[in-house]
Amino acid sequence: MSQRSGSTTVALDSIGCKLNQAETELLAKQLAEAGYWVVPSVDKADIYILNTCTVTHIADRKSRHLLRLAHRRNPDALLIATGCYAQRAHQELAQIEGVNLVLGNDEKPHLLRLVEECGCISSPASIGKDSPTCYPTFRTRAFIKIQDGCNSFCSYCIVPMVRGKEKSLPVDQIVAEVRHRLANSYKEVVLTGTKIGSYNYNGVNLRGLLEHILIETDVARLRLSSLQPQEISPELIGLWHDKRLCPHFHLSLQSGSDGVLNRMKRRYSLSDYQWAVSLIRGIIPEVAITTDIIVGFPGETEAEFEQSYNFCRRMEFARIHVFPYSPRQETQAARMTYPVGDKVKKQRSQKMLALAKESAQNFSQRFLGKTMPVLWEKQSGDGVWSGHTPNYIKVYTKSSEDLTNKLLPVKLAEIRWDGVWGEIVI
């Protein structure tokens, strides 16, 4: 690839978890501050960066597809693959036509320097009055990384192998990043990481970090990405008297069968999970509890699946994210006997997805007729806008005005699509 001159443009994509989204936003910020122009599409980019995911074989496939698509759409662009797939299988990605650099998670913090050292592209022009002063807004919610890594080693999970040991970012650094995002007009901040419930920096745990952010910033909405039931405590949940903390907990379950949880090496039982849910619901009115479920884990019997299904029904989740089990070769579960066949996994997925849809509608139904604040995020066409309530109900409305990033009172009127139709209260 030849050297380029003038302003250098960069397009970034991210798939997978909210942590990946947070890291991609940070990369965009660093690139813009270094003088690169961040553009929304690979079509007009000198550099294309894909932050990959490898949690399932589907995520792997999507990563490969996006890289090949980017090369077809812009054969002259410098293609860079980074993230968890790049960490796990460097050579697989390096062999894809058009891919110039493969940088694992260990190299991701040094991506900017490595791009400039590779000699494939010139450094950006010096920052002047016409250069971007801030990174572009990816969305109205800012994802901020507070922690990385995991020490749990659940039997099915590749994440500890590609993310490493648990490590937390300094409190002052996180607070400064929250302030920076607020200065760039974000109204909602989502704290994310591999396992944020294990956050601990110099003796400050997650509860302490939340206290610092609430006291030291004027954030309008503060949301957590994901927790595990053993990380829930009365002291933590007591912070939700501050209405800026969103009444929404993504509480990982993975299975509603104690037998399967034991084989997964999860560190809680169904009774632990029920205790955490009861505590949260007893303290926080209108709370949404969402979860993840894996179906077809090795050895999962029909009876265990029915236990899981019935447990999820009793929990009355606001959302259920359903994943058919995907073996990762480096994990213990990949070596387990009695695999569940693809046909059975598909049937169980469909049944659980039907429950997920029913559960989401039942939760949203409870709020029809109520007026709730909605942060409007994007327009989908024909003047239809979408946004979310504090408890993460997706809301739609029609407006000829630009509602982007506006926090407005909305009366929830009827179930529509995957959410609720609302009318803005003037």
Protein backbone atom coordinates (compact mmCIF):
# COMPACT_ATOMS: atom_id res chain seq x y z
CA MET A 1 0.00 0.00 0.00
CA SER A 2 1.35 3.38 -0.95
CA GLN A 3 1.86 6.34 1.32
CA ARG A 4 -1.03 8.78 1.50
CA SER A 5 -0.95 12.54 1.87
CA GLY A 6 -3.31 15.04 3.46
CA SER A 7 -5.87 14.28 6.15
CA THR A 8 -6.07 10.62 7.03
CA THR A 9 -9.54 9.18 7.51
CA VAL A 10 -10.44 6.30 9.82
CA ALA A 11 -13.60 4.19 10.14
CA LEU A 12 -14.20 1.99 13.18
CA ASP A 13 -16.60 -0.89 13.80
CA SER A 14 -17.18 -2.93 16.93
CA ILE A 15 -19.05 -6.15 17.56
CA GLY A 16 -19.74 -7.99 20.78
CA CYS A 17 -19.94 -6.66 24.31
CA LYS A 18 -20.32 -3.16 25.72
CA LEU A 19 -16.66 -3.29 26.76
CA ASN A 20 -15.72 -3.53 23.08
CA GLN A 21 -17.94 -0.53 22.38
CA ALA A 22 -16.25 1.44 25.15
CA GLU A 23 -12.79 0.60 23.81
CA THR A 24 -13.81 1.52 20.26
CA GLU A 25 -15.10 4.90 21.43
CA LEU A 26 -11.82 5.49 23.24
CA LEU A 27 -9.85 4.58 20.10
CA ALA A 28 -11.93 7.04 18.09
CA LYS A 29 -11.20 9.74 20.65
CA GLN A 30 -7.45 9.05 20.56
CA LEU A 31 -7.36 9.02 16.77
CA ALA A 32 -9.29 12.29 16.49
CA GLU A 33 -7.07 13.99 19.04
CA ALA A 34 -4.03 12.82 17.06
CA GLY A 35 -5.34 14.55 13.94
CA TYR A 36 -7.10 11.70 12.14
CA TRP A 37 -10.57 12.26 10.72
CA VAL A 38 -13.03 9.66 12.00
CA VAL A 39 -15.63 8.85 9.33
CA PRO A 40 -18.77 6.71 9.58
CA SER A 41 -18.10 4.34 6.70
CA VAL A 42 -15.24 2.27 5.31
CA ASP A 43 -16.13 3.55 1.83
CA LYS A 44 -14.30 6.84 2.47
CA ALA A 45 -11.69 5.61 4.92
CA ASP A 46 -7.93 5.33 4.56
CA ILE A 47 -7.93 3.04 7.61
CA TYR A 48 -10.59 0.58 8.77
CA ILE A 49 -10.40 -0.82 12.32
CA LEU A 50 -12.60 -3.70 13.47
CA ASN A 51 -12.75 -4.47 17.19
CA THR A 52 -13.59 -8.18 17.09
CA CYS A 53 -15.40 -10.58 19.42
CA THR A 54 -14.81 -14.31 19.87
CA VAL A 55 -17.30 -15.31 22.56
CA THR A 56 -19.12 -17.61 20.08
CA HIS A 57 -18.44 -19.07 16.65
CA ILE A 58 -21.12 -16.69 15.33
CA ALA A 59 -19.08 -13.72 16.57
CA ASP A 60 -16.01 -15.15 14.81
CA ARG A 61 -17.96 -15.53 11.59
CA LYS A 62 -19.33 -12.00 11.79
CA SER A 63 -15.83 -10.62 12.32
CA ARG A 64 -14.50 -12.40 9.24
CA HIS A 65 -17.50 -11.26 7.21
CA LEU A 66 -17.05 -7.59 8.15
CA LEU A 67 -13.35 -7.65 7.26
CA ARG A 68 -14.00 -9.25 3.86
CA LEU A 69 -16.85 -6.82 3.21
CA ALA A 70 -14.65 -3.86 4.10
CA HIS A 71 -11.96 -5.05 1.67
CA ARG A 72 -14.51 -5.47 -1.13
CA ARG A 73 -15.97 -2.02 -0.56
CA ASN A 74 -12.60 -0.29 -0.25
CA PRO A 75 -9.64 -2.39 -1.47
CA ASP A 76 -7.20 0.46 -0.86
CA ALA A 77 -7.97 0.90 2.83
CA LEU A 78 -5.55 -0.28 5.51
CA LEU A 79 -7.47 -3.03 7.34
CA ILE A 80 -6.77 -3.62 11.02
CA ALA A 81 -8.31 -6.37 13.13
CA THR A 82 -8.03 -6.04 16.89
CA GLY A 83 -9.87 -7.33 19.95
CA CYS A 84 -10.61 -10.75 21.38
CA TYR A 85 -10.66 -12.79 18.14
CA ALA A 86 -7.35 -11.18 17.19
CA GLN A 87 -5.96 -12.18 20.59
CA ARG A 88 -7.17 -15.77 20.30
CA ALA A 89 -6.45 -16.58 16.65
CA HIS A 90 -3.99 -14.11 15.13
CA GLN A 91 -3.16 -16.27 12.11
CA GLU A 92 -6.81 -16.92 11.16
CA LEU A 93 -7.43 -13.21 10.73
CA ALA A 94 -4.03 -12.49 9.18
CA GLN A 95 -4.86 -14.88 6.33
CA ILE A 96 -8.02 -12.98 5.31
CA GLU A 97 -7.46 -11.11 2.06
CA GLY A 98 -6.89 -7.41 2.61
CA VAL A 99 -6.10 -7.56 6.33
CA ASN A 100 -2.86 -5.65 6.96
CA LEU A 101 -2.51 -5.72 10.76
CA VAL A 102 -3.81 -8.03 13.47
CA LEU A 103 -3.44 -6.62 16.97
CA GLY A 104 -4.56 -8.51 20.07
CA ASN A 105 -6.00 -6.97 23.21
CA ASP A 106 -2.47 -6.63 24.60
CA GLU A 107 -1.56 -4.39 21.67
CA LYS A 108 -4.82 -2.45 21.50
CA PRO A 109 -3.64 0.33 23.87
CA HIS A 110 -0.69 0.94 21.50
CA LEU A 111 -2.71 0.78 18.27
CA LEU A 112 -2.13 4.39 17.29
CA ARG A 113 1.65 4.07 17.58
CA LEU A 114 1.70 0.69 15.80
CA VAL A 115 -0.33 2.06 12.87
CA GLU A 116 2.12 4.89 12.38
CA GLU A 117 5.15 2.60 12.75
CA CYS A 118 3.95 0.05 10.20
CA GLY A 119 4.93 2.34 7.32
CA CYS A 120 1.77 1.59 5.35
CA ILE A 121 0.27 5.02 5.80
CA SER A 122 1.45 8.52 6.51
CA SER A 123 0.89 10.27 9.81
CA PRO A 124 -2.05 12.67 9.85
CA ALA A 125 -1.65 16.32 9.11
CA SER A 126 -0.85 18.58 12.05
CA ILE A 127 -3.88 19.59 14.07
CA GLY A 128 -4.97 23.06 13.10
CA LYS A 129 -8.09 25.17 13.35
CA ASP A 130 -9.93 22.97 10.86
CA SER A 131 -9.05 19.71 12.59
CA PRO A 132 -11.62 17.90 14.72
CA THR A 133 -11.60 19.01 18.36
CA CYS A 134 -13.37 15.93 19.69
CA TYR A 135 -14.14 12.43 18.62
CA PRO A 136 -17.49 11.87 16.90
CA THR A 137 -20.51 10.77 18.89
CA PHE A 138 -21.13 7.06 18.35
CA ARG A 139 -24.41 7.21 20.26
CA THR A 140 -26.13 9.24 22.96
CA ARG A 141 -24.99 6.80 25.66
CA ALA A 142 -21.29 6.90 26.49
CA PHE A 143 -19.68 3.55 27.30
CA ILE A 144 -16.82 3.94 29.77
CA LYS A 145 -14.47 1.12 30.66
CA ILE A 146 -13.80 0.74 34.38
CA GLN A 147 -12.33 -2.76 34.53
CA ASP A 148 -10.96 -5.56 32.35
CA GLY A 149 -10.20 -9.25 32.72
CA CYS A 150 -11.79 -12.11 34.65
CA ASN A 151 -10.47 -14.61 37.19
CA SER A 152 -13.54 -16.86 37.29
CA PHE A 153 -12.80 -19.32 34.43
CA CYS A 154 -16.36 -20.56 33.89
CA SER A 155 -16.09 -23.85 32.02
CA TYR A 156 -17.61 -22.52 28.75
CA CYS A 157 -16.02 -19.08 28.60
CA ILE A 158 -13.06 -17.99 26.47
CA VAL A 159 -12.94 -14.48 27.96
CA PRO A 160 -10.29 -15.07 30.67
CA MET A 161 -7.95 -16.42 27.98
CA VAL A 162 -8.31 -13.37 25.73
CA ARG A 163 -8.79 -10.65 28.37
CA GLY A 164 -6.39 -11.83 31.07
CA LYS A 165 -6.57 -11.31 34.84
CA GLU A 166 -8.85 -8.82 36.53
CA LYS A 167 -7.55 -5.26 36.65
CA SER A 168 -9.36 -2.04 37.53
CA LEU A 169 -8.80 1.49 36.25
CA PRO A 170 -8.03 4.36 38.67
CA VAL A 171 -11.02 6.14 40.19
CA ASP A 172 -9.74 9.59 39.20
CA GLN A 173 -9.26 8.46 35.59
CA ILE A 174 -12.83 7.15 35.39
CA VAL A 175 -14.31 10.29 36.96
CA ALA A 176 -12.33 12.46 34.55
CA GLU A 177 -13.58 10.41 31.59
CA VAL A 178 -17.19 10.79 32.79
CA ARG A 179 -16.71 14.56 33.01
CA HIS A 180 -15.18 14.59 29.53
CA ARG A 181 -18.14 12.75 28.03
CA LEU A 182 -20.60 15.07 29.78
CA ALA A 183 -18.71 18.04 28.34
CA ASN A 184 -19.30 16.48 24.92
CA SER A 185 -23.08 16.54 25.56
CA TYR A 186 -23.63 12.91 26.58
CA LYS A 187 -26.57 12.55 28.96
CA GLU A 188 -26.13 8.89 29.87
CA VAL A 189 -23.02 7.02 30.93
CA VAL A 190 -22.75 3.22 30.97
CA LEU A 191 -19.99 1.73 33.11
CA THR A 192 -18.64 -1.40 31.52
CA GLY A 193 -15.94 -4.03 31.80
CA THR A 194 -15.47 -7.78 31.68
CA LYS A 195 -16.66 -8.23 35.27
CA ILE A 196 -17.46 -4.84 36.78
CA GLY A 197 -18.76 -6.33 40.03
CA SER A 198 -15.17 -7.22 40.90
CA TYR A 199 -14.02 -3.58 40.51
CA ASN A 200 -11.45 -2.69 43.16
CA TYR A 201 -8.82 0.03 42.89
CA ASN A 202 -6.77 0.81 45.99
CA GLY A 203 -9.58 -0.42 48.21
CA VAL A 204 -12.38 1.39 46.36
CA ASN A 205 -15.00 -1.14 45.22
CA LEU A 206 -17.86 -0.68 42.75
CA ARG A 207 -20.08 0.94 45.37
CA GLY A 208 -17.31 3.40 46.21
CA LEU A 209 -16.72 4.19 42.55
CA LEU A 210 -20.42 4.93 42.03
CA GLU A 211 -20.37 7.25 45.03
CA HIS A 212 -17.41 9.16 43.57
CA ILE A 213 -19.14 9.59 40.21
CA LEU A 214 -22.46 10.68 41.73
CA ILE A 215 -20.78 13.19 44.05
CA GLU A 216 -18.14 14.53 41.68
CA THR A 217 -20.11 14.81 38.41
CA ASP A 218 -23.52 16.03 37.28
CA VAL A 219 -24.25 12.96 35.16
CA ALA A 220 -27.96 12.80 34.27
CA ARG A 221 -28.11 9.03 33.91
CA LEU A 222 -25.71 6.38 35.16
CA ARG A 223 -26.18 2.75 34.09
CA LEU A 224 -24.24 -0.45 34.80
CA SER A 225 -23.53 -2.96 32.05
CA SER A 226 -23.69 -6.38 33.75
CA LEU A 227 -23.41 -7.92 37.20
CA GLN A 228 -23.50 -11.39 38.71
CA PRO A 229 -25.83 -12.30 41.58
CA GLN A 230 -23.03 -12.85 44.10
CA GLU A 231 -21.97 -9.23 43.52
CA ILE A 232 -25.29 -7.83 44.75
CA SER A 233 -25.46 -6.49 48.31
CA PRO A 234 -27.82 -4.26 50.33
CA GLU A 235 -25.04 -1.66 50.55
CA LEU A 236 -24.69 -1.50 46.75
CA ILE A 237 -28.41 -1.45 46.00
CA GLY A 238 -28.93 1.23 48.64
CA LEU A 239 -27.23 3.73 46.30
CA TRP A 240 -30.27 3.60 44.00
CA HIS A 241 -32.06 6.16 46.16
CA ASP A 242 -30.25 8.54 43.80
CA LYS A 243 -32.58 8.69 40.78
CA ARG A 244 -29.66 9.26 38.43
CA LEU A 245 -28.83 5.57 38.77
CA CYS A 246 -30.94 3.77 36.19
CA PRO A 247 -33.32 1.13 37.61
CA HIS A 248 -31.95 -1.55 35.30
CA PHE A 249 -29.79 -4.55 36.22
CA HIS A 250 -28.40 -6.98 33.71
CA LEU A 251 -27.94 -9.95 36.02
CA SER A 252 -26.26 -12.90 34.31
CA LEU A 253 -28.05 -16.24 34.85
CA GLN A 254 -26.85 -18.56 32.01
CA SER A 255 -29.04 -21.46 33.20
CA GLY A 256 -32.06 -21.99 35.43
CA SER A 257 -30.82 -25.44 36.43
CA ASP A 258 -28.50 -25.92 39.41
CA GLY A 259 -27.00 -28.98 37.73
CA VAL A 260 -26.05 -27.05 34.63
CA LEU A 261 -24.78 -24.08 36.68
CA ASN A 262 -22.50 -26.49 38.53
CA ARG A 263 -21.09 -27.90 35.26
CA MET A 264 -20.67 -24.34 33.99
CA LYS A 265 -18.65 -23.55 37.15
CA ARG A 266 -20.79 -20.54 37.90
CA ARG A 267 -20.29 -19.30 41.43
CA TYR A 268 -23.92 -19.11 42.54
CA SER A 269 -27.02 -21.26 42.89
CA LEU A 270 -30.61 -20.57 41.87
CA SER A 271 -31.42 -19.67 45.47
CA ASP A 272 -28.57 -17.10 45.40
CA TYR A 273 -30.00 -15.67 42.21
CA GLN A 274 -33.53 -15.46 43.62
CA TRP A 275 -32.20 -13.72 46.74
CA ALA A 276 -30.44 -11.07 44.63
CA VAL A 277 -33.54 -10.45 42.50
CA SER A 278 -35.78 -10.17 45.58
CA LEU A 279 -33.38 -7.69 47.19
CA ILE A 280 -33.26 -5.50 44.09
CA ARG A 281 -37.02 -5.53 43.54
CA GLY A 282 -37.69 -4.83 47.20
CA ILE A 283 -35.62 -1.64 47.14
CA ILE A 284 -36.00 -0.28 43.60
CA PRO A 285 -39.52 0.25 42.20
CA GLU A 286 -40.04 -0.13 38.45
CA VAL A 287 -36.69 -1.95 38.13
CA ALA A 288 -35.94 -3.96 35.00
CA ILE A 289 -33.92 -7.13 35.41
CA THR A 290 -32.50 -8.54 32.19
CA THR A 291 -30.37 -11.64 31.72
CA ASP A 292 -28.45 -14.03 29.48
CA ILE A 293 -29.37 -17.69 28.96
CA ILE A 294 -27.31 -20.42 27.29
CA VAL A 295 -29.30 -23.33 25.88
CA GLY A 296 -27.86 -26.68 24.82
CA PHE A 297 -24.90 -26.71 27.21
CA PRO A 298 -23.12 -30.11 27.10
CA GLY A 299 -25.16 -32.71 28.95
CA GLU A 300 -28.22 -30.45 29.32
CA THR A 301 -31.13 -32.89 29.57
CA GLU A 302 -34.68 -32.15 28.56
CA ALA A 303 -35.58 -31.96 32.26
CA GLU A 304 -32.77 -29.45 32.94
CA PHE A 305 -33.87 -27.31 30.02
CA GLU A 306 -37.45 -27.31 31.31
CA GLN A 307 -36.15 -26.31 34.75
CA SER A 308 -34.30 -23.42 33.13
CA TYR A 309 -37.32 -22.40 31.07
CA ASN A 310 -39.67 -22.47 34.06
CA PHE A 311 -37.21 -20.58 36.26
CA CYS A 312 -36.97 -17.82 33.64
CA ARG A 313 -40.76 -17.63 33.48
CA ARG A 314 -41.00 -17.27 37.27
CA MET A 315 -38.35 -14.54 37.33
CA GLU A 316 -40.43 -12.33 34.97
CA PHE A 317 -37.39 -10.84 33.25
CA ALA A 318 -37.68 -7.62 31.28
CA ARG A 319 -35.41 -9.06 28.59
CA ILE A 320 -33.75 -12.42 28.00
CA HIS A 321 -30.78 -12.71 25.64
CA VAL A 322 -30.70 -16.29 24.37
CA PHE A 323 -27.52 -17.98 23.16
CA PRO A 324 -27.20 -21.54 21.85
CA TYR A 325 -24.08 -23.05 23.36
CA SER A 326 -21.01 -22.50 21.19
CA PRO A 327 -17.91 -24.59 22.02
CA ARG A 328 -14.64 -22.69 22.38
CA GLN A 329 -11.78 -25.16 21.91
CA GLU A 330 -9.59 -23.73 24.67
CA THR A 331 -12.28 -24.20 27.35
CA GLN A 332 -13.12 -27.10 29.64
CA ALA A 333 -16.70 -27.38 28.34
CA ALA A 334 -15.44 -28.08 24.81
CA ARG A 335 -14.04 -31.37 26.11
CA MET A 336 -17.21 -32.41 27.92
CA THR A 337 -19.14 -35.49 26.84
CA TYR A 338 -22.80 -35.68 25.80
CA PRO A 339 -22.99 -32.68 23.48
CA VAL A 340 -26.49 -31.45 22.61
CA GLY A 341 -27.29 -31.75 18.91
CA ASP A 342 -27.83 -28.70 16.73
CA LYS A 343 -31.46 -29.59 16.05
CA VAL A 344 -32.26 -29.80 19.77
CA LYS A 345 -30.35 -26.59 20.47
CA LYS A 346 -32.37 -24.82 17.79
CA GLN A 347 -35.68 -26.09 19.22
CA ARG A 348 -34.72 -25.01 22.72
CA SER A 349 -33.53 -21.62 21.47
CA GLN A 350 -36.83 -21.01 19.70
CA LYS A 351 -38.83 -21.93 22.80
CA MET A 352 -36.70 -19.68 25.02
CA LEU A 353 -36.86 -16.84 22.47
CA ALA A 354 -40.65 -17.07 22.49
CA LEU A 355 -40.57 -16.73 26.28
CA ALA A 356 -38.19 -13.79 25.94
CA LYS A 357 -40.63 -11.98 23.66
CA GLU A 358 -43.56 -12.72 25.97
CA SER A 359 -41.60 -11.59 29.04
CA ALA A 360 -40.53 -8.31 27.41
CA GLN A 361 -44.10 -7.50 26.39
CA ASN A 362 -45.43 -8.35 29.84
CA PHE A 363 -42.87 -6.06 31.46
CA SER A 364 -43.59 -3.17 29.09
CA GLN A 365 -47.34 -3.65 29.55
CA ARG A 366 -46.99 -2.71 33.21
CA PHE A 367 -45.95 0.81 32.27
CA LEU A 368 -48.58 1.66 29.66
CA GLY A 369 -50.31 4.90 30.55
CA LYS A 370 -47.35 6.13 32.61
CA THR A 371 -45.18 9.12 31.73
CA MET A 372 -41.46 8.35 31.83
CA PRO A 373 -38.30 10.20 30.72
CA VAL A 374 -36.94 8.91 27.42
CA LEU A 375 -33.49 9.63 26.04
CA TRP A 376 -33.98 9.77 22.27
CA GLU A 377 -31.16 8.20 20.31
CA LYS A 378 -31.75 7.84 16.59
CA GLN A 379 -34.16 8.13 13.67
CA SER A 380 -34.98 4.98 11.73
CA GLY A 381 -36.93 6.49 8.82
CA ASP A 382 -40.28 8.16 8.10
CA GLY A 383 -39.70 10.41 11.09
CA VAL A 384 -39.80 7.51 13.59
CA TRP A 385 -37.44 7.95 16.53
CA SER A 386 -36.33 5.45 19.15
CA GLY A 387 -34.94 5.83 22.65
CA HIS A 388 -35.00 4.24 26.09
CA THR A 389 -36.57 4.83 29.47
CA PRO A 390 -34.37 4.62 32.59
CA ASN A 391 -35.47 0.98 33.01
CA TYR A 392 -34.49 0.25 29.42
CA ILE A 393 -37.88 -0.03 27.73
CA LYS A 394 -37.40 0.79 24.07
CA VAL A 395 -39.76 3.59 23.03
CA TYR A 396 -40.76 4.81 19.59
CA THR A 397 -42.45 8.02 18.50
CA LYS A 398 -42.92 10.09 15.36
CA SER A 399 -41.55 13.61 15.11
CA SER A 400 -40.41 16.02 12.44
CA GLU A 401 -37.99 17.57 14.93
CA ASP A 402 -34.46 16.39 15.60
CA LEU A 403 -34.79 14.52 18.89
CA THR A 404 -31.20 13.25 19.05
CA ASN A 405 -29.88 13.24 22.62
CA LYS A 406 -32.97 14.95 24.05
CA LEU A 407 -34.28 13.71 27.38
CA LEU A 408 -38.04 14.25 27.30
CA PRO A 409 -41.14 13.11 29.24
CA VAL A 410 -43.12 10.57 27.22
CA LYS A 411 -46.47 8.90 27.86
CA LEU A 412 -46.25 5.21 27.02
CA ALA A 413 -49.28 4.37 24.90
CA GLU A 414 -49.17 0.86 23.37
CA ILE A 415 -47.00 -2.16 22.66
CA ARG A 416 -45.32 -1.69 19.28
CA TRP A 417 -42.66 -3.81 17.54
CA ASP A 418 -39.96 -4.69 20.10
CA GLY A 419 -40.96 -1.92 22.48
CA VAL A 420 -43.62 0.68 23.19
CA TRP A 421 -45.13 3.54 21.19
CA GLY A 422 -45.05 6.79 23.13
CA GLU A 423 -46.30 10.35 22.86
CA ILE A 424 -44.05 13.22 23.93
CA VAL A 425 -45.65 15.23 26.74
CA ILE A 426 -45.44 18.93 25.90
